[in-house]
Amino acid sequence: MMRTHLLGLPVDILTSDETIEVATQAMRDRLPCQHVALNVAKLVNARRDPDLDRDIRSADIVGIDGMGIAWAIGMFTRHTPARVAGIDLFEGLMAVSAREGFRPYLLGATSEVLEAATLNLQRRYPGLELAGHHHGYFGAEDEEGLCRMIAESGADGLFVAMPTPRKERFMLRNRERLGIPFVMGIGGTLDVIAGEVRRAPRLVQRAGLEWFYRLAQEPRRLAGRYVKTNAVFAGLILREVGMRMRARLGIVRPAGGSRP
């Protein structure tokens, strides 16, 4: 596994197959491994949220979930990483689980979405056995009992379908008492699996415009977030480019937080 840094945050250069292999080995050997998917919004928000920054840095795998992250790494390093979309990684791990007998636990979304997603997964991956599932609408007073129930399920993997930063905070706070080998946040993946949200066509995905397709489906919810975070990210990248150009000319030294 090769780790680099982008604007001070760690990022792992892994393909989808390589990530699945690391996760599979963790589940097979029951070794702790936490995956966090990094996209532009999360990187920008982590710069002003110390807890989110810590959550990302504490992960064993920081995957490239956003095309903007992949492009920026390609710009600043010799690597040409591929985006590993969280939903593709999740489906790959469900296929592996069905084949090898791993028992995943699903946490998050509404009860209705969770039930529909569970049925669709079991149709799609015959032989898949879930260790359990629970909706994401629980309070702080319920968390201890919920974690006990998840731990007692003997699950091999936990997939947390809650928004950022709630899922990252939950995973870091509870990873030791859960005792589950592989833990991964999957955001809105179950909404797609359940058929509540449509995913962009393959051509749009390959062009790196899946975010735009999502924006077209949910403009009220996503417009503010995308406009703000993408603008901030573009500014950060331009500033980094300027700093590196000046450093090459001997005008200033590179910033301490910006490492290749």
Protein backbone atom coordinates (compact mmCIF):
# COMPACT_ATOMS: atom_id res chain seq x y z
CA MET A 1 0.00 0.00 0.00
CA MET A 2 1.48 3.35 -1.05
CA ARG A 3 0.59 6.44 0.96
CA THR A 4 1.02 10.01 -0.23
CA HIS A 5 -0.29 13.37 1.03
CA LEU A 6 -2.58 15.96 -0.52
CA LEU A 7 -2.77 19.41 1.08
CA GLY A 8 -1.46 17.85 4.29
CA LEU A 9 -3.90 14.92 4.49
CA PRO A 10 -2.85 11.28 3.95
CA VAL A 11 -4.19 9.46 0.89
CA ASP A 12 -3.57 5.85 -0.10
CA ILE A 13 -2.82 5.02 -3.74
CA LEU A 14 -4.86 1.85 -4.16
CA THR A 15 -6.94 0.45 -6.98
CA SER A 16 -10.36 -1.02 -6.29
CA ASP A 17 -8.97 -4.56 -6.50
CA GLU A 18 -6.10 -3.73 -4.14
CA THR A 19 -8.48 -2.16 -1.62
CA ILE A 20 -10.75 -5.20 -1.75
CA GLU A 21 -7.73 -7.44 -1.18
CA VAL A 22 -6.66 -5.47 1.92
CA ALA A 23 -10.22 -5.54 3.30
CA THR A 24 -10.59 -9.27 2.51
CA GLN A 25 -7.35 -10.07 4.32
CA ALA A 26 -8.49 -8.07 7.34
CA MET A 27 -11.80 -9.96 7.48
CA ARG A 28 -10.13 -13.31 6.88
CA ASP A 29 -7.54 -12.78 9.65
CA ARG A 30 -9.91 -10.72 11.84
CA LEU A 31 -7.44 -7.85 12.03
CA PRO A 32 -8.72 -4.28 12.61
CA CYS A 33 -8.90 -2.12 9.48
CA GLN A 34 -10.88 1.09 9.08
CA HIS A 35 -11.54 2.62 5.66
CA VAL A 36 -12.38 6.28 5.11
CA ALA A 37 -13.30 7.57 1.65
CA LEU A 38 -11.86 10.99 0.83
CA ASN A 39 -13.61 13.40 -1.53
CA VAL A 40 -13.33 17.14 -2.10
CA ALA A 41 -16.06 18.08 0.39
CA LYS A 42 -14.52 15.98 3.15
CA LEU A 43 -11.03 17.37 2.55
CA VAL A 44 -12.29 20.97 2.64
CA ASN A 45 -14.41 20.38 5.75
CA ALA A 46 -11.53 18.66 7.56
CA ARG A 47 -9.47 21.85 7.32
CA ARG A 48 -11.87 23.62 9.68
CA ASP A 49 -13.05 20.60 11.69
CA PRO A 50 -10.23 19.20 13.86
CA ASP A 51 -12.31 16.16 14.80
CA LEU A 52 -12.92 15.22 11.15
CA ASP A 53 -9.23 15.80 10.41
CA ARG A 54 -8.37 13.39 13.24
CA ASP A 55 -10.94 10.85 12.03
CA ILE A 56 -9.34 10.79 8.57
CA ARG A 57 -5.78 10.55 9.89
CA SER A 58 -6.76 7.69 12.23
CA ALA A 59 -8.03 5.50 9.38
CA ASP A 60 -5.98 2.55 8.16
CA ILE A 61 -7.04 3.21 4.54
CA VAL A 62 -7.83 6.68 3.17
CA GLY A 63 -9.35 5.90 -0.22
CA ILE A 64 -9.73 8.19 -3.23
CA ASP A 65 -13.49 8.55 -3.55
CA GLY A 66 -13.61 11.88 -5.41
CA MET A 67 -12.37 12.54 -8.95
CA GLY A 68 -11.08 15.92 -7.79
CA ILE A 69 -8.80 14.15 -5.31
CA ALA A 70 -7.48 11.83 -8.05
CA TRP A 71 -6.83 14.75 -10.40
CA ALA A 72 -5.01 16.75 -7.73
CA ILE A 73 -2.76 13.84 -6.76
CA GLY A 74 -1.93 13.32 -10.42
CA MET A 75 -1.03 17.00 -10.68
CA PHE A 76 1.33 17.04 -7.68
CA THR A 77 2.89 13.58 -7.80
CA ARG A 78 4.14 11.00 -10.27
CA HIS A 79 1.14 8.81 -9.54
CA THR A 80 -1.92 8.57 -11.77
CA PRO A 81 -4.45 7.15 -9.31
CA ALA A 82 -7.91 5.97 -10.19
CA ARG A 83 -10.97 7.02 -8.31
CA VAL A 84 -12.36 4.18 -6.17
CA ALA A 85 -16.02 5.04 -5.71
CA GLY A 86 -17.41 3.97 -2.36
CA ILE A 87 -20.42 2.26 -3.90
CA ASP A 88 -18.23 0.20 -6.27
CA LEU A 89 -16.00 -0.83 -3.38
CA PHE A 90 -19.05 -1.75 -1.29
CA GLU A 91 -20.52 -3.92 -4.04
CA GLY A 92 -17.16 -5.59 -4.62
CA LEU A 93 -16.98 -6.45 -0.93
CA MET A 94 -20.53 -7.81 -0.95
CA ALA A 95 -19.54 -10.13 -3.81
CA VAL A 96 -16.48 -11.29 -1.86
CA SER A 97 -18.58 -11.77 1.27
CA ALA A 98 -21.08 -13.95 -0.60
CA ARG A 99 -18.26 -16.01 -2.09
CA GLU A 100 -16.15 -16.44 1.05
CA GLY A 101 -18.90 -16.57 3.66
CA PHE A 102 -18.14 -13.25 5.37
CA ARG A 103 -21.10 -11.79 7.25
CA PRO A 104 -21.44 -7.99 6.90
CA TYR A 105 -23.52 -5.74 9.15
CA LEU A 106 -25.34 -2.73 7.65
CA LEU A 107 -25.89 0.35 9.80
CA GLY A 108 -27.66 3.50 8.64
CA ALA A 109 -30.34 4.92 6.32
CA THR A 110 -34.06 4.68 7.09
CA SER A 111 -35.73 1.40 7.97
CA GLU A 112 -37.51 1.38 4.60
CA VAL A 113 -34.33 1.99 2.59
CA LEU A 114 -32.44 -0.56 4.67
CA GLU A 115 -35.04 -3.28 4.07
CA ALA A 116 -35.15 -2.62 0.31
CA ALA A 117 -31.34 -2.51 0.06
CA THR A 118 -31.03 -5.77 2.01
CA LEU A 119 -33.45 -7.57 -0.31
CA ASN A 120 -31.71 -6.24 -3.42
CA LEU A 121 -28.27 -7.25 -2.13
CA GLN A 122 -29.40 -10.79 -1.39
CA ARG A 123 -30.94 -11.06 -4.87
CA ARG A 124 -27.82 -9.66 -6.48
CA TYR A 125 -25.36 -11.77 -4.48
CA PRO A 126 -26.84 -15.23 -3.84
CA GLY A 127 -25.47 -16.77 -0.67
CA LEU A 128 -24.84 -13.42 1.01
CA GLU A 129 -25.66 -13.69 4.71
CA LEU A 130 -25.91 -10.50 6.73
CA ALA A 131 -24.88 -10.52 10.37
CA GLY A 132 -27.62 -7.94 10.93
CA HIS A 133 -28.77 -4.44 10.12
CA HIS A 134 -30.05 -1.37 11.95
CA HIS A 135 -31.32 2.01 10.77
CA GLY A 136 -29.28 5.14 11.35
CA TYR A 137 -31.86 7.11 13.35
CA PHE A 138 -30.68 6.42 16.87
CA GLY A 139 -29.73 8.78 19.67
CA ALA A 140 -26.65 9.02 21.86
CA GLU A 141 -28.52 7.17 24.60
CA ASP A 142 -28.97 4.17 22.27
CA GLU A 143 -25.38 3.94 21.07
CA GLU A 144 -23.94 1.71 23.80
CA GLY A 145 -26.68 -0.90 23.42
CA LEU A 146 -26.46 -0.75 19.63
CA CYS A 147 -22.69 -1.27 19.70
CA ARG A 148 -23.13 -4.24 22.03
CA MET A 149 -25.66 -5.77 19.63
CA ILE A 150 -23.34 -5.25 16.64
CA ALA A 151 -20.37 -6.73 18.52
CA GLU A 152 -22.40 -9.78 19.56
CA SER A 153 -23.45 -10.38 15.93
CA GLY A 154 -19.92 -11.62 15.15
CA ALA A 155 -19.90 -9.61 11.92
CA ASP A 156 -16.81 -9.63 9.73
CA GLY A 157 -17.44 -6.14 8.35
CA LEU A 158 -19.47 -3.09 9.35
CA PHE A 159 -20.74 -0.69 6.68
CA VAL A 160 -21.96 2.64 8.04
CA ALA A 161 -24.47 4.48 5.83
CA MET A 162 -24.58 7.82 7.63
CA PRO A 163 -23.51 11.33 6.53
CA THR A 164 -20.13 12.94 7.17
CA PRO A 165 -18.92 13.61 9.83
CA ARG A 166 -21.35 11.45 11.82
CA LYS A 167 -20.17 8.15 10.34
CA GLU A 168 -16.47 8.96 10.78
CA ARG A 169 -17.08 10.04 14.37
CA PHE A 170 -19.08 6.86 15.10
CA MET A 171 -16.43 4.58 13.62
CA LEU A 172 -13.51 6.15 15.48
CA ARG A 173 -15.40 6.40 18.76
CA ASN A 174 -16.56 2.78 18.75
CA ARG A 175 -14.07 0.76 16.69
CA GLU A 176 -12.45 -0.90 19.70
CA ARG A 177 -15.62 -1.95 21.50
CA LEU A 178 -17.25 -3.14 18.28
CA GLY A 179 -14.45 -5.63 17.68
CA ILE A 180 -15.30 -5.93 13.97
CA PRO A 181 -12.31 -6.43 11.64
CA PHE A 182 -13.23 -4.23 8.69
CA VAL A 183 -15.19 -0.99 9.13
CA MET A 184 -16.16 1.34 6.29
CA GLY A 185 -18.37 4.39 5.85
CA ILE A 186 -20.63 4.19 2.79
CA GLY A 187 -22.65 7.43 2.96
CA GLY A 188 -25.69 7.28 0.67
CA THR A 189 -24.80 3.94 -0.95
CA LEU A 190 -27.83 2.12 0.44
CA ASP A 191 -30.16 4.69 -1.16
CA VAL A 192 -28.71 3.70 -4.53
CA ILE A 193 -28.84 -0.03 -3.79
CA ALA A 194 -32.47 0.35 -2.67
CA GLY A 195 -33.36 2.14 -5.92
CA GLU A 196 -34.23 5.43 -4.22
CA VAL A 197 -31.44 7.34 -5.99
CA ARG A 198 -30.19 6.72 -9.52
CA ARG A 199 -26.49 6.47 -10.21
CA ALA A 200 -24.87 8.28 -13.13
CA PRO A 201 -24.34 6.33 -16.40
CA ARG A 202 -20.91 4.76 -16.83
CA LEU A 203 -19.84 7.35 -19.39
CA VAL A 204 -20.59 10.16 -16.93
CA GLN A 205 -18.71 8.32 -14.18
CA ARG A 206 -15.63 7.87 -16.38
CA ALA A 207 -15.67 11.56 -17.29
CA GLY A 208 -15.48 12.43 -13.60
CA LEU A 209 -18.88 14.14 -13.64
CA GLU A 210 -20.84 11.88 -11.32
CA TRP A 211 -21.05 14.76 -8.84
CA PHE A 212 -22.83 16.85 -11.50
CA TYR A 213 -25.34 14.05 -12.14
CA ARG A 214 -26.09 13.88 -8.42
CA LEU A 215 -26.46 17.65 -8.31
CA ALA A 216 -29.03 17.49 -11.11
CA GLN A 217 -31.05 14.95 -9.10
CA GLU A 218 -30.90 16.77 -5.75
CA PRO A 219 -30.15 20.45 -6.51
CA ARG A 220 -31.67 21.89 -3.33
CA ARG A 221 -29.71 19.60 -1.03
CA LEU A 222 -26.39 19.54 -2.88
CA ALA A 223 -26.01 22.86 -4.73
CA GLY A 224 -24.71 24.87 -1.78
CA ARG A 225 -22.31 22.14 -0.72
CA TYR A 226 -20.81 21.57 -4.17
CA VAL A 227 -20.47 25.23 -5.08
CA LYS A 228 -18.84 26.14 -1.79
CA THR A 229 -16.50 23.18 -1.34
CA ASN A 230 -15.45 22.98 -5.00
CA ALA A 231 -14.61 26.69 -5.01
CA VAL A 232 -12.57 26.37 -1.81
CA PHE A 233 -10.77 23.29 -3.16
CA ALA A 234 -9.92 25.06 -6.42
CA GLY A 235 -8.50 27.96 -4.42
CA LEU A 236 -6.39 25.60 -2.30
CA ILE A 237 -5.02 23.87 -5.39
CA LEU A 238 -4.16 27.19 -7.08
CA ARG A 239 -2.42 28.39 -3.93
CA GLU A 240 -0.44 25.14 -3.72
CA VAL A 241 0.57 25.43 -7.38
CA GLY A 242 1.73 29.01 -6.77
CA MET A 243 3.73 28.03 -3.69
CA ARG A 244 5.45 25.19 -5.53
CA MET A 245 6.32 27.42 -8.49
CA ARG A 246 7.82 30.05 -6.20
CA ALA A 247 9.74 27.34 -4.34
CA ARG A 248 11.27 26.08 -7.60
CA LEU A 249 12.35 29.62 -8.41
CA GLY A 250 13.92 29.91 -4.97
CA ILE A 251 11.55 32.65 -3.82
CA VAL A 252 10.07 30.76 -0.86
CA ARG A 253 10.39 27.30 0.64
CA PRO A 254 7.46 24.83 0.26
CA ALA A 255 4.84 24.99 3.02
CA GLY A 256 5.44 22.48 5.78
CA GLY A 257 1.97 20.94 5.44
CA SER A 258 2.23 20.28 1.72
CA ARG A 259 4.09 17.11 0.96
CA PRO A 260 4.26 15.14 -2.27
